[in-house]
PDB file of N, CA and C in Angstrom:
ATOM      1  N   MET A   1      10.689  21.096   3.210  1.00  0.00           N
ATOM      2  CA  MET A   1      10.287  21.349   1.847  1.00  0.00           C
ATOM      3  C   MET A   1       8.850  20.865   1.662  1.00  0.00           C
ATOM      4  N   LYS A   2       8.014  21.715   1.095  1.00  0.00           N
ATOM      5  CA  LYS A   2       6.630  21.320   0.891  1.00  0.00           C
ATOM      6  C   LYS A   2       6.060  22.031  -0.312  1.00  0.00           C
ATOM      7  N   TYR A   3       4.904  21.614  -0.739  1.00  0.00           N
ATOM      8  CA  TYR A   3       4.165  22.323  -1.772  1.00  0.00           C
ATOM      9  C   TYR A   3       3.557  23.555  -1.097  1.00  0.00           C
ATOM     10  N   GLU A   4       4.222  24.679  -1.235  1.00  0.00           N
ATOM     11  CA  GLU A   4       3.834  25.900  -0.524  1.00  0.00           C
ATOM     12  C   GLU A   4       2.437  26.380  -0.885  1.00  0.00           C
ATOM     13  N   LYS A   5       2.094  26.382  -2.176  1.00  0.00           N
ATOM     14  CA  LYS A   5       0.758  26.851  -2.561  1.00  0.00           C
ATOM     15  C   LYS A   5      -0.324  25.928  -2.028  1.00  0.00           C
ATOM     16  N   LEU A   6      -0.054  24.656  -2.037  1.00  0.00           N
ATOM     17  CA  LEU A   6      -1.008  23.697  -1.477  1.00  0.00           C
ATOM     18  C   LEU A   6      -1.200  23.973   0.004  1.00  0.00           C
ATOM     19  N   TYR A   7      -0.104  24.098   0.717  1.00  0.00           N
ATOM     20  CA  TYR A   7      -0.156  24.367   2.155  1.00  0.00           C
ATOM     21  C   TYR A   7      -0.901  25.669   2.449  1.00  0.00           C
ATOM     22  N   LYS A   8      -0.520  26.755   1.772  1.00  0.00           N
ATOM     23  CA  LYS A   8      -1.142  28.064   2.020  1.00  0.00           C
ATOM     24  C   LYS A   8      -2.627  28.047   1.696  1.00  0.00           C
ATOM     25  N   THR A   9      -2.988  27.416   0.596  1.00  0.00           N
ATOM     26  CA  THR A   9      -4.398  27.336   0.213  1.00  0.00           C
ATOM     27  C   THR A   9      -5.195  26.568   1.255  1.00  0.00           C
ATOM     28  N   ARG A  10      -4.648  25.444   1.681  1.00  0.00           N
ATOM     29  CA  ARG A  10      -5.339  24.629   2.688  1.00  0.00           C
ATOM     30  C   ARG A  10      -5.550  25.414   3.978  1.00  0.00           C
ATOM     31  N   VAL A  11      -4.519  26.103   4.430  1.00  0.00           N
ATOM     32  CA  VAL A  11      -4.605  26.874   5.674  1.00  0.00           C
ATOM     33  C   VAL A  11      -5.583  28.042   5.514  1.00  0.00           C
ATOM     34  N   GLU A  12      -5.509  28.755   4.386  1.00  0.00           N
ATOM     35  CA  GLU A  12      -6.418  29.884   4.151  1.00  0.00           C
ATOM     36  C   GLU A  12      -7.875  29.449   4.148  1.00  0.00           C
ATOM     37  N   LEU A  13      -8.133  28.258   3.655  1.00  0.00           N
ATOM     38  CA  LEU A  13      -9.508  27.749   3.607  1.00  0.00           C
ATOM     39  C   LEU A  13      -9.945  27.127   4.934  1.00  0.00           C
ATOM     40  N   GLY A  14      -9.004  27.016   5.879  1.00  0.00           N
ATOM     41  CA  GLY A  14      -9.327  26.448   7.182  1.00  0.00           C
ATOM     42  C   GLY A  14      -9.550  24.947   7.135  1.00  0.00           C
ATOM     43  N   VAL A  15      -8.889  24.298   6.190  1.00  0.00           N
ATOM     44  CA  VAL A  15      -9.026  22.852   6.017  1.00  0.00           C
ATOM     45  C   VAL A  15      -7.807  22.173   6.642  1.00  0.00           C
ATOM     46  N   THR A  16      -8.025  21.129   7.408  1.00  0.00           N
ATOM     47  CA  THR A  16      -6.914  20.416   8.025  1.00  0.00           C
ATOM     48  C   THR A  16      -6.424  19.300   7.104  1.00  0.00           C
ATOM     49  N   GLN A  17      -5.243  18.802   7.403  1.00  0.00           N
ATOM     50  CA  GLN A  17      -4.729  17.653   6.661  1.00  0.00           C
ATOM     51  C   GLN A  17      -5.666  16.466   6.835  1.00  0.00           C
ATOM     52  N   SER A  18      -6.211  16.325   8.012  1.00  0.00           N
ATOM     53  CA  SER A  18      -7.156  15.228   8.278  1.00  0.00           C
ATOM     54  C   SER A  18      -8.410  15.359   7.426  1.00  0.00           C
ATOM     55  N   ASP A  19      -8.898  16.597   7.265  1.00  0.00           N
ATOM     56  CA  ASP A  19     -10.087  16.834   6.433  1.00  0.00           C
ATOM     57  C   ASP A  19      -9.849  16.370   5.002  1.00  0.00           C
ATOM     58  N   ILE A  20      -8.707  16.758   4.452  1.00  0.00           N
ATOM     59  CA  ILE A  20      -8.407  16.384   3.066  1.00  0.00           C
ATOM     60  C   ILE A  20      -8.226  14.877   2.952  1.00  0.00           C
ATOM     61  N   ALA A  21      -7.488  14.305   3.876  1.00  0.00           N
ATOM     62  CA  ALA A  21      -7.261  12.855   3.851  1.00  0.00           C
ATOM     63  C   ALA A  21      -8.585  12.100   3.884  1.00  0.00           C
ATOM     64  N   LEU A  22      -9.492  12.542   4.725  1.00  0.00           N
ATOM     65  CA  LEU A  22     -10.803  11.901   4.829  1.00  0.00           C
ATOM     66  C   LEU A  22     -11.553  11.978   3.496  1.00  0.00           C
ATOM     67  N   GLU A  23     -11.535  13.145   2.875  1.00  0.00           N
ATOM     68  CA  GLU A  23     -12.199  13.331   1.576  1.00  0.00           C
ATOM     69  C   GLU A  23     -11.586  12.445   0.499  1.00  0.00           C
ATOM     70  N   LEU A  24     -10.280  12.248   0.568  1.00  0.00           N
ATOM     71  CA  LEU A  24      -9.566  11.465  -0.440  1.00  0.00           C
ATOM     72  C   LEU A  24      -9.589   9.967  -0.160  1.00  0.00           C
ATOM     73  N   GLY A  25      -9.952   9.600   1.057  1.00  0.00           N
ATOM     74  CA  GLY A  25      -9.967   8.192   1.430  1.00  0.00           C
ATOM     75  C   GLY A  25      -8.571   7.634   1.671  1.00  0.00           C
ATOM     76  N   ILE A  26      -7.677   8.519   2.158  1.00  0.00           N
ATOM     77  CA  ILE A  26      -6.312   8.101   2.488  1.00  0.00           C
ATOM     78  C   ILE A  26      -6.031   8.493   3.933  1.00  0.00           C
ATOM     79  N   SER A  27      -4.924   8.016   4.465  1.00  0.00           N
ATOM     80  CA  SER A  27      -4.579   8.371   5.843  1.00  0.00           C
ATOM     81  C   SER A  27      -4.020   9.796   5.900  1.00  0.00           C
ATOM     82  N   LYS A  28      -4.107  10.381   7.083  1.00  0.00           N
ATOM     83  CA  LYS A  28      -3.530  11.710   7.286  1.00  0.00           C
ATOM     84  C   LYS A  28      -2.029  11.671   7.033  1.00  0.00           C
ATOM     85  N   ALA A  29      -1.372  10.603   7.477  1.00  0.00           N
ATOM     86  CA  ALA A  29       0.074  10.469   7.285  1.00  0.00           C
ATOM     87  C   ALA A  29       0.424  10.457   5.799  1.00  0.00           C
ATOM     88  N   PHE A  30      -0.367   9.751   5.008  1.00  0.00           N
ATOM     89  CA  PHE A  30      -0.124   9.691   3.566  1.00  0.00           C
ATOM     90  C   PHE A  30      -0.264  11.087   2.956  1.00  0.00           C
ATOM     91  N   TYR A  31      -1.341  11.790   3.314  1.00  0.00           N
ATOM     92  CA  TYR A  31      -1.534  13.145   2.790  1.00  0.00           C
ATOM     93  C   TYR A  31      -0.391  14.067   3.225  1.00  0.00           C
ATOM     94  N   CYS A  32      -0.012  13.983   4.472  1.00  0.00           N
ATOM     95  CA  CYS A  32       1.074  14.808   5.005  1.00  0.00           C
ATOM     96  C   CYS A  32       2.361  14.579   4.208  1.00  0.00           C
ATOM     97  N   GLN A  33       2.638  13.339   3.867  1.00  0.00           N
ATOM     98  CA  GLN A  33       3.822  13.022   3.081  1.00  0.00           C
ATOM     99  C   GLN A  33       3.746  13.635   1.688  1.00  0.00           C
ATOM    100  N   ILE A  34       2.558  13.663   1.103  1.00  0.00           N
ATOM    101  CA  ILE A  34       2.397  14.312  -0.204  1.00  0.00           C
ATOM    102  C   ILE A  34       2.664  15.809  -0.065  1.00  0.00           C
ATOM    103  N   GLU A  35       2.006  16.445   0.893  1.00  0.00           N
ATOM    104  CA  GLU A  35       2.149  17.896   1.072  1.00  0.00           C
ATOM    105  C   GLU A  35       3.604  18.291   1.344  1.00  0.00           C
ATOM    106  N   ASN A  36       4.329  17.434   2.038  1.00  0.00           N
ATOM    107  CA  ASN A  36       5.722  17.718   2.395  1.00  0.00           C
ATOM    108  C   ASN A  36       6.732  17.140   1.405  1.00  0.00           C
ATOM    109  N   LYS A  37       6.238  16.720   0.243  1.00  0.00           N
ATOM    110  CA  LYS A  37       7.072  16.189  -0.841  1.00  0.00           C
ATOM    111  C   LYS A  37       7.903  14.981  -0.416  1.00  0.00           C
ATOM    112  N   GLN A  38       7.384  14.205   0.497  1.00  0.00           N
ATOM    113  CA  GLN A  38       8.066  12.985   0.915  1.00  0.00           C
ATOM    114  C   GLN A  38       7.524  11.778   0.159  1.00  0.00           C
ATOM    115  N   ARG A  39       6.459  11.998  -0.564  1.00  0.00           N
ATOM    116  CA  ARG A  39       5.839  10.947  -1.371  1.00  0.00           C
ATOM    117  C   ARG A  39       5.553  11.555  -2.740  1.00  0.00           C
ATOM    118  N   ARG A  40       5.793  10.782  -3.759  1.00  0.00           N
ATOM    119  CA  ARG A  40       5.603  11.276  -5.126  1.00  0.00           C
ATOM    120  C   ARG A  40       4.119  11.527  -5.399  1.00  0.00           C
ATOM    121  N   LEU A  41       3.841  12.654  -6.005  1.00  0.00           N
ATOM    122  CA  LEU A  41       2.470  13.042  -6.337  1.00  0.00           C
ATOM    123  C   LEU A  41       2.174  12.629  -7.770  1.00  0.00           C
ATOM    124  N   ASN A  42       1.127  11.826  -7.964  1.00  0.00           N
ATOM    125  CA  ASN A  42       0.729  11.487  -9.333  1.00  0.00           C
ATOM    126  C   ASN A  42      -0.420  12.400  -9.760  1.00  0.00           C
ATOM    127  N   TYR A  43      -0.655  12.457 -11.062  1.00  0.00           N
ATOM    128  CA  TYR A  43      -1.653  13.399 -11.576  1.00  0.00           C
ATOM    129  C   TYR A  43      -3.068  13.117 -11.069  1.00  0.00           C
ATOM    130  N   PRO A  44      -3.513  11.860 -11.040  1.00  0.00           N
ATOM    131  CA  PRO A  44      -4.866  11.623 -10.508  1.00  0.00           C
ATOM    132  C   PRO A  44      -5.029  12.131  -9.069  1.00  0.00           C
ATOM    133  N   MET A  45      -4.002  11.967  -8.243  1.00  0.00           N
ATOM    134  CA  MET A  45      -4.081  12.447  -6.862  1.00  0.00           C
ATOM    135  C   MET A  45      -4.067  13.973  -6.841  1.00  0.00           C
ATOM    136  N   ALA A  46      -3.272  14.591  -7.703  1.00  0.00           N
ATOM    137  CA  ALA A  46      -3.250  16.055  -7.788  1.00  0.00           C
ATOM    138  C   ALA A  46      -4.634  16.576  -8.164  1.00  0.00           C
ATOM    139  N   LEU A  47      -5.295  15.902  -9.084  1.00  0.00           N
ATOM    140  CA  LEU A  47      -6.657  16.289  -9.475  1.00  0.00           C
ATOM    141  C   LEU A  47      -7.620  16.202  -8.294  1.00  0.00           C
ATOM    142  N   GLU A  48      -7.529  15.118  -7.549  1.00  0.00           N
ATOM    143  CA  GLU A  48      -8.428  14.915  -6.404  1.00  0.00           C
ATOM    144  C   GLU A  48      -8.181  15.946  -5.298  1.00  0.00           C
ATOM    145  N   ILE A  49      -6.921  16.218  -5.010  1.00  0.00           N
ATOM    146  CA  ILE A  49      -6.593  17.217  -3.989  1.00  0.00           C
ATOM    147  C   ILE A  49      -7.116  18.580  -4.412  1.00  0.00           C
ATOM    148  N   ALA A  50      -6.877  18.934  -5.658  1.00  0.00           N
ATOM    149  CA  ALA A  50      -7.337  20.229  -6.168  1.00  0.00           C
ATOM    150  C   ALA A  50      -8.860  20.327  -6.102  1.00  0.00           C
ATOM    151  N   LYS A  51      -9.538  19.255  -6.432  1.00  0.00           N
ATOM    152  CA  LYS A  51     -11.004  19.228  -6.388  1.00  0.00           C
ATOM    153  C   LYS A  51     -11.514  19.488  -4.973  1.00  0.00           C
ATOM    154  N   VAL A  52     -10.893  18.844  -3.997  1.00  0.00           N
ATOM    155  CA  VAL A  52     -11.285  19.028  -2.598  1.00  0.00           C
ATOM    156  C   VAL A  52     -11.136  20.493  -2.185  1.00  0.00           C
ATOM    157  N   LEU A  53     -10.086  21.157  -2.696  1.00  0.00           N
ATOM    158  CA  LEU A  53      -9.821  22.550  -2.329  1.00  0.00           C
ATOM    159  C   LEU A  53     -10.478  23.554  -3.280  1.00  0.00           C
ATOM    160  N   GLY A  54     -11.201  23.062  -4.291  1.00  0.00           N
ATOM    161  CA  GLY A  54     -11.878  23.951  -5.230  1.00  0.00           C
ATOM    162  C   GLY A  54     -10.918  24.708  -6.133  1.00  0.00           C
ATOM    163  N   LYS A  55      -9.814  24.088  -6.481  1.00  0.00           N
ATOM    164  CA  LYS A  55      -8.791  24.714  -7.321  1.00  0.00           C
ATOM    165  C   LYS A  55      -8.472  23.820  -8.501  1.00  0.00           C
ATOM    166  N   LYS A  56      -7.649  24.345  -9.415  1.00  0.00           N
ATOM    167  CA  LYS A  56      -7.112  23.551 -10.509  1.00  0.00           C
ATOM    168  C   LYS A  56      -5.749  23.020 -10.071  1.00  0.00           C
ATOM    169  N   PRO A  57      -5.371  21.828 -10.520  1.00  0.00           N
ATOM    170  CA  PRO A  57      -4.067  21.288 -10.120  1.00  0.00           C
ATOM    171  C   PRO A  57      -2.912  22.236 -10.441  1.00  0.00           C
ATOM    172  N   ASP A  58      -2.963  22.891 -11.596  1.00  0.00           N
ATOM    173  CA  ASP A  58      -1.886  23.818 -11.961  1.00  0.00           C
ATOM    174  C   ASP A  58      -1.748  24.955 -10.958  1.00  0.00           C
ATOM    175  N   ASP A  59      -2.868  25.408 -10.395  1.00  0.00           N
ATOM    176  CA  ASP A  59      -2.819  26.495  -9.409  1.00  0.00           C
ATOM    177  C   ASP A  59      -2.031  26.089  -8.166  1.00  0.00           C
ATOM    178  N   LEU A  60      -2.077  24.813  -7.825  1.00  0.00           N
ATOM    179  CA  LEU A  60      -1.448  24.334  -6.598  1.00  0.00           C
ATOM    180  C   LEU A  60      -0.045  23.774  -6.788  1.00  0.00           C
ATOM    181  N   PHE A  61       0.232  23.192  -7.962  1.00  0.00           N
ATOM    182  CA  PHE A  61       1.453  22.408  -8.101  1.00  0.00           C
ATOM    183  C   PHE A  61       2.403  22.826  -9.228  1.00  0.00           C
ATOM    184  N   TYR A  62       1.902  23.456 -10.268  1.00  0.00           N
ATOM    185  CA  TYR A  62       2.677  23.643 -11.502  1.00  0.00           C
ATOM    186  C   TYR A  62       4.028  24.329 -11.288  1.00  0.00           C
ATOM    187  N   GLU A  63       4.020  25.489 -10.673  1.00  0.00           N
ATOM    188  CA  GLU A  63       5.268  26.248 -10.502  1.00  0.00           C
ATOM    189  C   GLU A  63       6.310  25.463  -9.698  1.00  0.00           C
ATOM    190  N   GLU A  64       5.877  24.803  -8.662  1.00  0.00           N
ATOM    191  CA  GLU A  64       6.832  24.069  -7.819  1.00  0.00           C
ATOM    192  C   GLU A  64       7.365  22.821  -8.514  1.00  0.00           C
ATOM    193  N   ILE A  65       6.546  22.175  -9.314  1.00  0.00           N
ATOM    194  CA  ILE A  65       7.035  21.022 -10.059  1.00  0.00           C
ATOM    195  C   ILE A  65       8.066  21.458 -11.083  1.00  0.00           C
ATOM    196  N   LEU A  66       7.821  22.597 -11.726  1.00  0.00           N
ATOM    197  CA  LEU A  66       8.821  23.136 -12.667  1.00  0.00           C
ATOM    198  C   LEU A  66      10.135  23.434 -11.969  1.00  0.00           C
ATOM    199  N   LYS A  67      10.059  24.048 -10.803  1.00  0.00           N
ATOM    200  CA  LYS A  67      11.274  24.348 -10.022  1.00  0.00           C
ATOM    201  C   LYS A  67      12.038  23.073  -9.687  1.00  0.00           C
ATOM    202  N   ASP A  68      11.302  22.055  -9.257  1.00  0.00           N
ATOM    203  CA  ASP A  68      11.928  20.792  -8.883  1.00  0.00           C
ATOM    204  C   ASP A  68      12.579  20.113 -10.087  1.00  0.00           C
ATOM    205  N   MET A  69      11.987  20.270 -11.261  1.00  0.00           N
ATOM    206  CA  MET A  69      12.541  19.665 -12.476  1.00  0.00           C
ATOM    207  C   MET A  69      13.851  20.325 -12.881  1.00  0.00           C
ATOM    208  N   LYS A  70      14.014  21.602 -12.535  1.00  0.00           N
ATOM    209  CA  LYS A  70      15.223  22.341 -12.898  1.00  0.00           C
ATOM    210  C   LYS A  70      16.403  22.013 -11.989  1.00  0.00           C
ATOM    211  N   LYS A  71      16.117  21.401 -10.857  1.00  0.00           N
ATOM    212  CA  LYS A  71      17.186  21.071  -9.890  1.00  0.00           C
ATOM    213  C   LYS A  71      18.052  19.940 -10.401  1.00  0.00           C
TER     214      LYS A  71
END
């Protein structure tokens, strides 16, 4: 289980998990856990991830968070 839009966007842009982690100042393992929904995503981190990818947080996370809330 992962944030599919986040994953697809990252891959389409040719950005690695390591690249994003470096930009965010976190470990690759920490970023990987966020992308794979193994670690809770807070809004400030969602903003930073979206900024690195040139997107809005809603573009990457909104639909999937709504789905998860309905479970």
